[in-house]
Amino acid sequence: QVHVVESGGGLVQAGGSLRLSCVATGSIVALSVMAWYRQPPGKQRELVASIIRRGTAHYADSVKGRFTISRDSANTTVYLQMNNLRPEDTAHYYCNAEGVTNGEGFSSWGQGTQVTVSS
């Protein structure tokens, strides 16, 4: 079983920065994709950023130029550096990890971390 744990959320003023972390643990043979999603209050969940094993990253238009996704050298931890935060960035942020365990594929979600941006 693969477990995903997010951290780094909190309350920040508009224009400030936060750095989210996501760690995947378990019987992981390979991590193919790690991604950040967010769900604002009363809204549907949306993809924020994703990164594949070779390092290619993709971003939602709403965060392009402000957020940066990266992975550590072991490819087990993903980060989301969020700069110039706006009130509309307020949401519960979730990390998703996809890959393979011992002969099986997996897609695991963390419990999320709350990001609140005040104006």
N, C-alpha and C. Protein backbone atom coordinates (compact mmCIF):
# COMPACT_ATOMS: atom_id res chain seq x y z
N GLN A 1 0.84 -1.18 0.00
CA GLN A 1 0.00 0.00 0.00
C GLN A 1 0.88 1.24 0.00
N VAL A 2 0.55 2.19 -0.86
CA VAL A 2 1.29 3.43 -0.98
C VAL A 2 0.56 4.53 -0.22
N HIS A 3 1.29 5.24 0.61
CA HIS A 3 0.72 6.33 1.38
C HIS A 3 1.32 7.65 0.91
N VAL A 4 0.49 8.67 0.87
CA VAL A 4 0.89 10.00 0.44
C VAL A 4 0.54 10.99 1.54
N VAL A 5 1.50 11.81 1.92
CA VAL A 5 1.30 12.78 2.99
C VAL A 5 1.76 14.15 2.53
N GLU A 6 0.87 15.14 2.64
CA GLU A 6 1.18 16.52 2.29
C GLU A 6 1.45 17.34 3.54
N SER A 7 2.21 18.41 3.38
CA SER A 7 2.48 19.33 4.46
C SER A 7 2.84 20.69 3.89
N GLY A 8 2.83 21.71 4.73
CA GLY A 8 3.28 23.03 4.33
C GLY A 8 2.19 24.06 4.15
N GLY A 9 0.93 23.67 4.27
CA GLY A 9 -0.15 24.62 4.13
C GLY A 9 -0.23 25.57 5.30
N GLY A 10 -1.05 26.59 5.15
CA GLY A 10 -1.22 27.56 6.21
C GLY A 10 -1.93 28.80 5.74
N LEU A 11 -1.89 29.82 6.58
CA LEU A 11 -2.51 31.11 6.28
C LEU A 11 -1.44 32.10 5.88
N VAL A 12 -1.65 32.77 4.76
CA VAL A 12 -0.68 33.72 4.25
C VAL A 12 -1.41 34.91 3.64
N GLN A 13 -0.79 36.08 3.70
CA GLN A 13 -1.37 37.26 3.09
C GLN A 13 -1.13 37.26 1.58
N ALA A 14 -2.01 37.94 0.86
CA ALA A 14 -1.85 38.07 -0.58
C ALA A 14 -0.47 38.62 -0.91
N GLY A 15 0.16 38.01 -1.92
CA GLY A 15 1.51 38.39 -2.30
C GLY A 15 2.58 37.57 -1.63
N GLY A 16 2.21 36.79 -0.64
CA GLY A 16 3.16 35.96 0.07
C GLY A 16 3.44 34.65 -0.62
N SER A 17 4.22 33.81 0.05
CA SER A 17 4.64 32.54 -0.52
C SER A 17 4.46 31.39 0.46
N LEU A 18 4.27 30.21 -0.08
CA LEU A 18 4.23 28.97 0.68
C LEU A 18 4.90 27.88 -0.13
N ARG A 19 5.46 26.90 0.56
CA ARG A 19 6.08 25.76 -0.10
C ARG A 19 5.45 24.48 0.43
N LEU A 20 4.72 23.77 -0.42
CA LEU A 20 4.08 22.53 -0.05
C LEU A 20 5.01 21.36 -0.34
N SER A 21 4.92 20.32 0.49
CA SER A 21 5.70 19.11 0.30
C SER A 21 4.78 17.90 0.27
N CYS A 22 5.15 16.91 -0.51
CA CYS A 22 4.40 15.67 -0.61
C CYS A 22 5.38 14.51 -0.63
N VAL A 23 5.18 13.56 0.28
CA VAL A 23 6.05 12.41 0.39
C VAL A 23 5.24 11.14 0.14
N ALA A 24 5.72 10.30 -0.75
CA ALA A 24 5.11 9.01 -1.05
C ALA A 24 5.94 7.90 -0.43
N THR A 25 5.29 7.02 0.33
CA THR A 25 5.99 5.91 0.97
C THR A 25 5.26 4.61 0.71
N GLY A 26 5.97 3.49 0.84
CA GLY A 26 5.40 2.18 0.63
C GLY A 26 6.26 1.35 -0.30
N SER A 27 5.67 0.27 -0.79
CA SER A 27 6.39 -0.64 -1.69
C SER A 27 6.35 -0.11 -3.12
N ILE A 28 7.08 0.96 -3.33
CA ILE A 28 7.07 1.64 -4.63
C ILE A 28 8.24 1.15 -5.47
N VAL A 29 7.92 0.60 -6.62
CA VAL A 29 8.94 0.19 -7.58
C VAL A 29 9.36 1.38 -8.43
N ALA A 30 8.38 2.16 -8.87
CA ALA A 30 8.66 3.33 -9.68
C ALA A 30 7.52 4.33 -9.54
N LEU A 31 7.88 5.60 -9.45
CA LEU A 31 6.91 6.69 -9.47
C LEU A 31 6.92 7.31 -10.86
N SER A 32 5.78 7.27 -11.52
CA SER A 32 5.68 7.79 -12.88
C SER A 32 5.30 9.26 -12.90
N VAL A 33 4.27 9.61 -12.12
CA VAL A 33 3.75 10.97 -12.11
C VAL A 33 3.40 11.37 -10.69
N MET A 34 3.75 12.57 -10.32
CA MET A 34 3.25 13.17 -9.09
C MET A 34 2.63 14.51 -9.45
N ALA A 35 1.52 14.81 -8.81
CA ALA A 35 0.76 16.00 -9.19
C ALA A 35 0.11 16.64 -7.98
N TRP A 36 -0.14 17.93 -8.11
CA TRP A 36 -0.89 18.69 -7.12
C TRP A 36 -2.24 19.08 -7.69
N TYR A 37 -3.29 18.82 -6.93
CA TYR A 37 -4.64 19.26 -7.23
C TYR A 37 -5.11 20.19 -6.12
N ARG A 38 -6.15 20.95 -6.41
CA ARG A 38 -6.73 21.78 -5.36
C ARG A 38 -8.25 21.84 -5.53
N GLN A 39 -8.93 22.04 -4.42
CA GLN A 39 -10.37 22.16 -4.42
C GLN A 39 -10.78 23.35 -3.57
N PRO A 40 -11.15 24.46 -4.20
CA PRO A 40 -11.64 25.62 -3.45
C PRO A 40 -12.98 25.30 -2.81
N PRO A 41 -13.37 26.05 -1.78
CA PRO A 41 -14.66 25.81 -1.13
C PRO A 41 -15.81 25.90 -2.13
N GLY A 42 -16.65 24.88 -2.17
CA GLY A 42 -17.81 24.87 -3.05
C GLY A 42 -17.50 24.68 -4.52
N LYS A 43 -16.26 24.39 -4.87
CA LYS A 43 -15.86 24.21 -6.26
C LYS A 43 -15.37 22.79 -6.51
N GLN A 44 -15.22 22.45 -7.78
CA GLN A 44 -14.72 21.13 -8.14
C GLN A 44 -13.20 21.09 -8.05
N ARG A 45 -12.67 19.90 -7.88
CA ARG A 45 -11.23 19.72 -7.82
C ARG A 45 -10.59 19.97 -9.18
N GLU A 46 -9.43 20.60 -9.19
CA GLU A 46 -8.76 20.92 -10.43
C GLU A 46 -7.27 20.62 -10.33
N LEU A 47 -6.69 20.29 -11.46
CA LEU A 47 -5.26 20.03 -11.53
C LEU A 47 -4.49 21.34 -11.48
N VAL A 48 -3.48 21.40 -10.63
CA VAL A 48 -2.65 22.59 -10.49
C VAL A 48 -1.34 22.43 -11.25
N ALA A 49 -0.64 21.34 -10.98
CA ALA A 49 0.66 21.10 -11.60
C ALA A 49 0.99 19.62 -11.52
N SER A 50 1.77 19.15 -12.46
CA SER A 50 2.20 17.76 -12.47
C SER A 50 3.63 17.67 -12.97
N ILE A 51 4.31 16.60 -12.57
CA ILE A 51 5.67 16.38 -13.01
C ILE A 51 5.89 14.89 -13.21
N ILE A 52 6.54 14.53 -14.32
CA ILE A 52 6.83 13.14 -14.60
C ILE A 52 8.26 12.84 -14.20
N ARG A 53 8.64 11.56 -14.28
CA ARG A 53 9.91 11.11 -13.73
C ARG A 53 11.11 11.83 -14.32
N ARG A 54 11.10 12.12 -15.61
CA ARG A 54 12.23 12.78 -16.23
C ARG A 54 12.28 14.27 -15.94
N GLY A 55 11.27 14.81 -15.27
CA GLY A 55 11.30 16.18 -14.83
C GLY A 55 10.44 17.16 -15.59
N THR A 56 9.78 16.72 -16.64
CA THR A 56 8.91 17.60 -17.40
C THR A 56 7.69 17.98 -16.57
N ALA A 57 7.42 19.27 -16.47
CA ALA A 57 6.34 19.77 -15.65
C ALA A 57 5.27 20.46 -16.49
N HIS A 58 4.03 20.39 -16.00
CA HIS A 58 2.90 21.08 -16.62
C HIS A 58 2.14 21.85 -15.56
N TYR A 59 1.58 22.98 -15.95
CA TYR A 59 0.88 23.85 -15.02
C TYR A 59 -0.46 24.30 -15.57
N ALA A 60 -1.39 24.49 -14.66
CA ALA A 60 -2.64 25.14 -15.03
C ALA A 60 -2.36 26.59 -15.39
N ASP A 61 -3.14 27.13 -16.32
CA ASP A 61 -2.92 28.51 -16.75
C ASP A 61 -3.02 29.50 -15.59
N SER A 62 -3.85 29.20 -14.62
CA SER A 62 -4.08 30.12 -13.52
C SER A 62 -2.87 30.27 -12.60
N VAL A 63 -1.94 29.33 -12.63
CA VAL A 63 -0.78 29.38 -11.74
C VAL A 63 0.53 29.51 -12.50
N LYS A 64 0.48 29.48 -13.80
CA LYS A 64 1.68 29.54 -14.61
C LYS A 64 2.46 30.83 -14.33
N GLY A 65 3.75 30.69 -14.08
CA GLY A 65 4.58 31.82 -13.77
C GLY A 65 4.66 32.16 -12.30
N ARG A 66 3.78 31.59 -11.49
CA ARG A 66 3.76 31.83 -10.05
C ARG A 66 4.13 30.60 -9.24
N PHE A 67 3.73 29.43 -9.70
CA PHE A 67 3.99 28.18 -8.99
C PHE A 67 5.07 27.38 -9.71
N THR A 68 5.85 26.63 -8.94
CA THR A 68 6.87 25.76 -9.50
C THR A 68 6.82 24.40 -8.81
N ILE A 69 6.71 23.34 -9.61
CA ILE A 69 6.71 21.99 -9.07
C ILE A 69 8.08 21.37 -9.30
N SER A 70 8.56 20.61 -8.33
CA SER A 70 9.87 19.97 -8.44
C SER A 70 9.89 18.68 -7.64
N ARG A 71 10.89 17.84 -7.90
CA ARG A 71 11.06 16.58 -7.18
C ARG A 71 12.47 16.50 -6.62
N ASP A 72 12.62 15.73 -5.53
CA ASP A 72 13.95 15.55 -4.96
C ASP A 72 14.72 14.53 -5.78
N SER A 73 15.99 14.34 -5.42
CA SER A 73 16.86 13.44 -6.19
C SER A 73 16.42 11.99 -6.12
N ALA A 74 15.76 11.61 -5.05
CA ALA A 74 15.28 10.23 -4.89
C ALA A 74 13.94 9.99 -5.57
N ASN A 75 13.32 11.05 -6.06
CA ASN A 75 12.03 10.98 -6.76
C ASN A 75 10.90 10.43 -5.89
N THR A 76 10.98 10.67 -4.60
CA THR A 76 9.94 10.24 -3.68
C THR A 76 9.22 11.40 -3.03
N THR A 77 9.72 12.60 -3.22
CA THR A 77 9.13 13.79 -2.65
C THR A 77 8.92 14.83 -3.74
N VAL A 78 7.76 15.45 -3.75
CA VAL A 78 7.47 16.51 -4.69
C VAL A 78 7.14 17.78 -3.91
N TYR A 79 7.55 18.91 -4.46
CA TYR A 79 7.33 20.20 -3.83
C TYR A 79 6.52 21.10 -4.74
N LEU A 80 5.79 22.01 -4.14
CA LEU A 80 5.09 23.04 -4.89
C LEU A 80 5.42 24.38 -4.26
N GLN A 81 6.29 25.13 -4.93
CA GLN A 81 6.63 26.47 -4.48
C GLN A 81 5.59 27.43 -5.04
N MET A 82 4.88 28.11 -4.15
CA MET A 82 3.80 29.01 -4.54
C MET A 82 4.20 30.43 -4.18
N ASN A 83 4.38 31.26 -5.18
CA ASN A 83 4.75 32.66 -4.99
C ASN A 83 3.63 33.57 -5.46
N ASN A 84 3.66 34.81 -4.98
CA ASN A 84 2.65 35.81 -5.34
C ASN A 84 1.24 35.25 -5.20
N LEU A 85 0.96 34.70 -4.04
CA LEU A 85 -0.33 34.07 -3.80
C LEU A 85 -1.48 35.08 -3.82
N ARG A 86 -2.61 34.63 -4.31
CA ARG A 86 -3.81 35.44 -4.43
C ARG A 86 -4.94 34.81 -3.63
N PRO A 87 -5.93 35.60 -3.21
CA PRO A 87 -7.07 35.02 -2.48
C PRO A 87 -7.74 33.88 -3.23
N GLU A 88 -7.78 33.94 -4.55
CA GLU A 88 -8.39 32.88 -5.33
C GLU A 88 -7.60 31.58 -5.32
N ASP A 89 -6.39 31.60 -4.76
CA ASP A 89 -5.61 30.38 -4.58
C ASP A 89 -6.05 29.60 -3.34
N THR A 90 -6.91 30.19 -2.53
CA THR A 90 -7.40 29.52 -1.33
C THR A 90 -8.11 28.23 -1.69
N ALA A 91 -7.66 27.12 -1.12
CA ALA A 91 -8.21 25.81 -1.44
C ALA A 91 -7.56 24.75 -0.57
N HIS A 92 -8.16 23.57 -0.59
CA HIS A 92 -7.52 22.40 -0.01
C HIS A 92 -6.68 21.76 -1.11
N TYR A 93 -5.38 21.62 -0.85
CA TYR A 93 -4.46 21.12 -1.85
C TYR A 93 -4.14 19.65 -1.60
N TYR A 94 -4.27 18.83 -2.65
CA TYR A 94 -4.05 17.40 -2.57
C TYR A 94 -2.88 16.98 -3.45
N CYS A 95 -2.14 15.99 -2.99
CA CYS A 95 -1.07 15.40 -3.77
C CYS A 95 -1.51 14.03 -4.27
N ASN A 96 -1.22 13.75 -5.53
CA ASN A 96 -1.51 12.45 -6.13
C ASN A 96 -0.22 11.84 -6.67
N ALA A 97 -0.01 10.58 -6.37
CA ALA A 97 1.16 9.85 -6.85
C ALA A 97 0.71 8.64 -7.65
N GLU A 98 1.30 8.46 -8.82
CA GLU A 98 0.98 7.32 -9.67
C GLU A 98 2.26 6.59 -10.04
N GLY A 99 2.18 5.27 -10.13
CA GLY A 99 3.33 4.48 -10.48
C GLY A 99 3.02 3.01 -10.37
N VAL A 100 4.03 2.22 -10.03
CA VAL A 100 3.87 0.78 -9.90
C VAL A 100 4.45 0.30 -8.59
N THR A 101 3.77 -0.67 -7.99
CA THR A 101 4.30 -1.39 -6.84
C THR A 101 4.83 -2.73 -7.35
N ASN A 102 4.73 -3.77 -6.56
CA ASN A 102 5.21 -5.09 -6.98
C ASN A 102 4.22 -5.73 -7.94
N GLY A 103 4.33 -5.39 -9.22
CA GLY A 103 3.49 -5.99 -10.23
C GLY A 103 2.14 -5.33 -10.43
N GLU A 104 1.88 -4.25 -9.72
CA GLU A 104 0.60 -3.57 -9.82
C GLU A 104 0.79 -2.07 -9.96
N GLY A 105 -0.10 -1.46 -10.70
CA GLY A 105 -0.12 -0.02 -10.78
C GLY A 105 -0.88 0.57 -9.60
N PHE A 106 -0.62 1.82 -9.30
CA PHE A 106 -1.32 2.46 -8.20
C PHE A 106 -1.55 3.93 -8.49
N SER A 107 -2.55 4.46 -7.86
CA SER A 107 -2.82 5.89 -7.84
C SER A 107 -3.28 6.22 -6.43
N SER A 108 -2.47 6.97 -5.69
CA SER A 108 -2.73 7.24 -4.28
C SER A 108 -2.87 8.72 -4.02
N TRP A 109 -3.79 9.06 -3.13
CA TRP A 109 -4.06 10.44 -2.74
C TRP A 109 -3.76 10.65 -1.28
N GLY A 110 -3.26 11.83 -0.96
CA GLY A 110 -3.09 12.22 0.43
C GLY A 110 -4.36 12.85 0.96
N GLN A 111 -4.34 13.20 2.24
CA GLN A 111 -5.49 13.84 2.88
C GLN A 111 -5.57 15.32 2.58
N GLY A 112 -4.49 15.89 2.09
CA GLY A 112 -4.48 17.28 1.69
C GLY A 112 -4.00 18.22 2.78
N THR A 113 -3.73 19.44 2.38
CA THR A 113 -3.32 20.49 3.29
C THR A 113 -4.01 21.79 2.88
N GLN A 114 -4.47 22.54 3.86
CA GLN A 114 -5.26 23.74 3.59
C GLN A 114 -4.35 24.93 3.35
N VAL A 115 -4.65 25.66 2.29
CA VAL A 115 -3.98 26.92 1.98
C VAL A 115 -5.02 28.01 1.97
N THR A 116 -4.82 29.02 2.81
CA THR A 116 -5.74 30.14 2.89
C THR A 116 -4.97 31.44 2.65
N VAL A 117 -5.40 32.21 1.67
CA VAL A 117 -4.75 33.46 1.32
C VAL A 117 -5.70 34.60 1.65
N SER A 118 -5.29 35.47 2.54
CA SER A 118 -6.11 36.60 2.95
C SER A 118 -5.78 37.83 2.12
N SER A 119 -6.77 38.69 1.96
CA SER A 119 -6.58 39.91 1.18
C SER A 119 -6.30 41.11 2.07
